[in-house]
């Protein structure tokens, strides 16, 4: 990616990098998705690449609110370390 940006073939804002890692055993993620531990969603490039530092609403919560239906209740729940809940 860095080479393509330096060569002018791609813009730096076409990428998003995260620090940290999640590691699953083979099949574990699929089982967790089926169990309802994770939600999958299709979304626009602009939403995925949105600057997410110091947003008034965390990106994960915004995604759930946009998904609507039962996901709104999940988004509105309070979570440990949650600075936004209770709005």
C-alpha atoms as a PDB file:
ATOM      1  CA  UNK A   1       0.000   0.000   0.000  1.00  0.00           C
ATOM      2  CA  UNK A   2       2.765   2.444   0.931  1.00  0.00           C
ATOM      3  CA  UNK A   3       4.489   1.875  -2.418  1.00  0.00           C
ATOM      4  CA  UNK A   4       1.266   2.579  -4.324  1.00  0.00           C
ATOM      5  CA  UNK A   5       0.673   5.794  -2.355  1.00  0.00           C
ATOM      6  CA  UNK A   6       4.252   6.939  -2.922  1.00  0.00           C
ATOM      7  CA  UNK A   7       3.916   6.198  -6.636  1.00  0.00           C
ATOM      8  CA  UNK A   8       0.749   8.301  -6.766  1.00  0.00           C
ATOM      9  CA  UNK A   9      -1.403   5.329  -7.822  1.00  0.00           C
ATOM     10  CA  UNK A  10      -3.604   5.445  -4.704  1.00  0.00           C
ATOM     11  CA  UNK A  11      -4.529   8.150  -2.202  1.00  0.00           C
ATOM     12  CA  UNK A  12      -3.615   7.702   1.483  1.00  0.00           C
ATOM     13  CA  UNK A  13      -7.262   8.063   2.477  1.00  0.00           C
ATOM     14  CA  UNK A  14      -8.081   4.835   0.613  1.00  0.00           C
ATOM     15  CA  UNK A  15      -6.664   2.835   3.523  1.00  0.00           C
ATOM     16  CA  UNK A  16      -7.467   2.267   7.168  1.00  0.00           C
ATOM     17  CA  UNK A  17      -5.093   0.547   9.549  1.00  0.00           C
ATOM     18  CA  UNK A  18      -5.892  -0.914  12.957  1.00  0.00           C
ATOM     19  CA  UNK A  19      -3.532  -1.843  15.743  1.00  0.00           C
ATOM     20  CA  UNK A  20      -4.109  -5.106  17.566  1.00  0.00           C
ATOM     21  CA  UNK A  21      -5.187  -8.530  16.503  1.00  0.00           C
ATOM     22  CA  UNK A  22      -7.926 -11.075  16.912  1.00  0.00           C
ATOM     23  CA  UNK A  23      -6.933 -14.685  16.470  1.00  0.00           C
ATOM     24  CA  UNK A  24      -9.422 -17.475  15.924  1.00  0.00           C
ATOM     25  CA  UNK A  25      -9.090 -21.217  15.714  1.00  0.00           C
ATOM     26  CA  UNK A  26     -10.260 -22.698  12.393  1.00  0.00           C
ATOM     27  CA  UNK A  27     -14.055 -22.320  12.228  1.00  0.00           C
ATOM     28  CA  UNK A  28     -14.274 -20.323  15.469  1.00  0.00           C
ATOM     29  CA  UNK A  29     -15.298 -17.026  13.856  1.00  0.00           C
ATOM     30  CA  UNK A  30     -18.022 -18.732  11.818  1.00  0.00           C
ATOM     31  CA  UNK A  31     -19.373 -20.384  14.992  1.00  0.00           C
ATOM     32  CA  UNK A  32     -19.317 -17.057  16.838  1.00  0.00           C
ATOM     33  CA  UNK A  33     -21.183 -15.339  13.985  1.00  0.00           C
ATOM     34  CA  UNK A  34     -23.839 -18.102  13.986  1.00  0.00           C
ATOM     35  CA  UNK A  35     -24.116 -17.741  17.778  1.00  0.00           C
ATOM     36  CA  UNK A  36     -24.827 -13.992  17.399  1.00  0.00           C
ATOM     37  CA  UNK A  37     -21.548 -12.779  18.931  1.00  0.00           C
ATOM     38  CA  UNK A  38     -20.668 -10.775  15.788  1.00  0.00           C
ATOM     39  CA  UNK A  39     -22.763  -8.940  13.215  1.00  0.00           C
ATOM     40  CA  UNK A  40     -21.910  -8.769   9.540  1.00  0.00           C
ATOM     41  CA  UNK A  41     -22.994  -5.869   7.365  1.00  0.00           C
ATOM     42  CA  UNK A  42     -22.456  -4.522   3.887  1.00  0.00           C
ATOM     43  CA  UNK A  43     -21.651  -0.821   3.903  1.00  0.00           C
ATOM     44  CA  UNK A  44     -20.296   1.962   1.770  1.00  0.00           C
ATOM     45  CA  UNK A  45     -16.608   2.652   1.294  1.00  0.00           C
ATOM     46  CA  UNK A  46     -17.056   6.120   2.804  1.00  0.00           C
ATOM     47  CA  UNK A  47     -18.390   4.610   6.019  1.00  0.00           C
ATOM     48  CA  UNK A  48     -15.672   1.982   6.283  1.00  0.00           C
ATOM     49  CA  UNK A  49     -12.924   4.555   5.681  1.00  0.00           C
ATOM     50  CA  UNK A  50     -14.515   7.206   7.915  1.00  0.00           C
ATOM     51  CA  UNK A  51     -12.155   8.882  10.355  1.00  0.00           C
ATOM     52  CA  UNK A  52     -13.125   7.271  13.635  1.00  0.00           C
ATOM     53  CA  UNK A  53     -10.934   9.038  16.183  1.00  0.00           C
ATOM     54  CA  UNK A  54     -12.914  11.299  18.517  1.00  0.00           C
ATOM     55  CA  UNK A  55     -16.252  10.726  16.829  1.00  0.00           C
ATOM     56  CA  UNK A  56     -19.250  11.750  18.937  1.00  0.00           C
ATOM     57  CA  UNK A  57     -20.584   8.223  18.339  1.00  0.00           C
ATOM     58  CA  UNK A  58     -18.259   5.214  17.994  1.00  0.00           C
ATOM     59  CA  UNK A  59     -18.223   3.809  14.457  1.00  0.00           C
ATOM     60  CA  UNK A  60     -19.458   0.372  15.563  1.00  0.00           C
ATOM     61  CA  UNK A  61     -22.478   2.006  17.234  1.00  0.00           C
ATOM     62  CA  UNK A  62     -23.196   4.167  14.184  1.00  0.00           C
ATOM     63  CA  UNK A  63     -23.147   1.044  12.010  1.00  0.00           C
ATOM     64  CA  UNK A  64     -25.657  -0.746  14.229  1.00  0.00           C
ATOM     65  CA  UNK A  65     -27.940   2.290  14.282  1.00  0.00           C
ATOM     66  CA  UNK A  66     -27.842   2.467  10.483  1.00  0.00           C
ATOM     67  CA  UNK A  67     -28.705  -1.245  10.303  1.00  0.00           C
ATOM     68  CA  UNK A  68     -31.895  -0.492  12.242  1.00  0.00           C
ATOM     69  CA  UNK A  69     -34.345  -3.000  13.670  1.00  0.00           C
ATOM     70  CA  UNK A  70     -33.046  -5.108  16.567  1.00  0.00           C
ATOM     71  CA  UNK A  71     -29.536  -3.716  16.081  1.00  0.00           C
ATOM     72  CA  UNK A  72     -30.699  -0.338  17.438  1.00  0.00           C
ATOM     73  CA  UNK A  73     -31.328  -1.922  20.844  1.00  0.00           C
ATOM     74  CA  UNK A  74     -27.818  -3.391  20.828  1.00  0.00           C
ATOM     75  CA  UNK A  75     -26.336  -0.002  19.878  1.00  0.00           C
ATOM     76  CA  UNK A  76     -28.203   1.743  22.681  1.00  0.00           C
ATOM     77  CA  UNK A  77     -26.979  -0.621  25.424  1.00  0.00           C
ATOM     78  CA  UNK A  78     -24.284   0.544  27.816  1.00  0.00           C
ATOM     79  CA  UNK A  79     -20.921  -1.205  27.708  1.00  0.00           C
ATOM     80  CA  UNK A  80     -18.014  -1.229  30.127  1.00  0.00           C
ATOM     81  CA  UNK A  81     -15.671   1.626  29.225  1.00  0.00           C
ATOM     82  CA  UNK A  82     -18.380   3.229  27.126  1.00  0.00           C
ATOM     83  CA  UNK A  83     -18.049   7.027  27.219  1.00  0.00           C
ATOM     84  CA  UNK A  84     -21.007   7.644  24.916  1.00  0.00           C
ATOM     85  CA  UNK A  85     -23.782   5.650  26.589  1.00  0.00           C
ATOM     86  CA  UNK A  86     -26.483   7.394  28.499  1.00  0.00           C
ATOM     87  CA  UNK A  87     -26.985  10.097  25.849  1.00  0.00           C
END
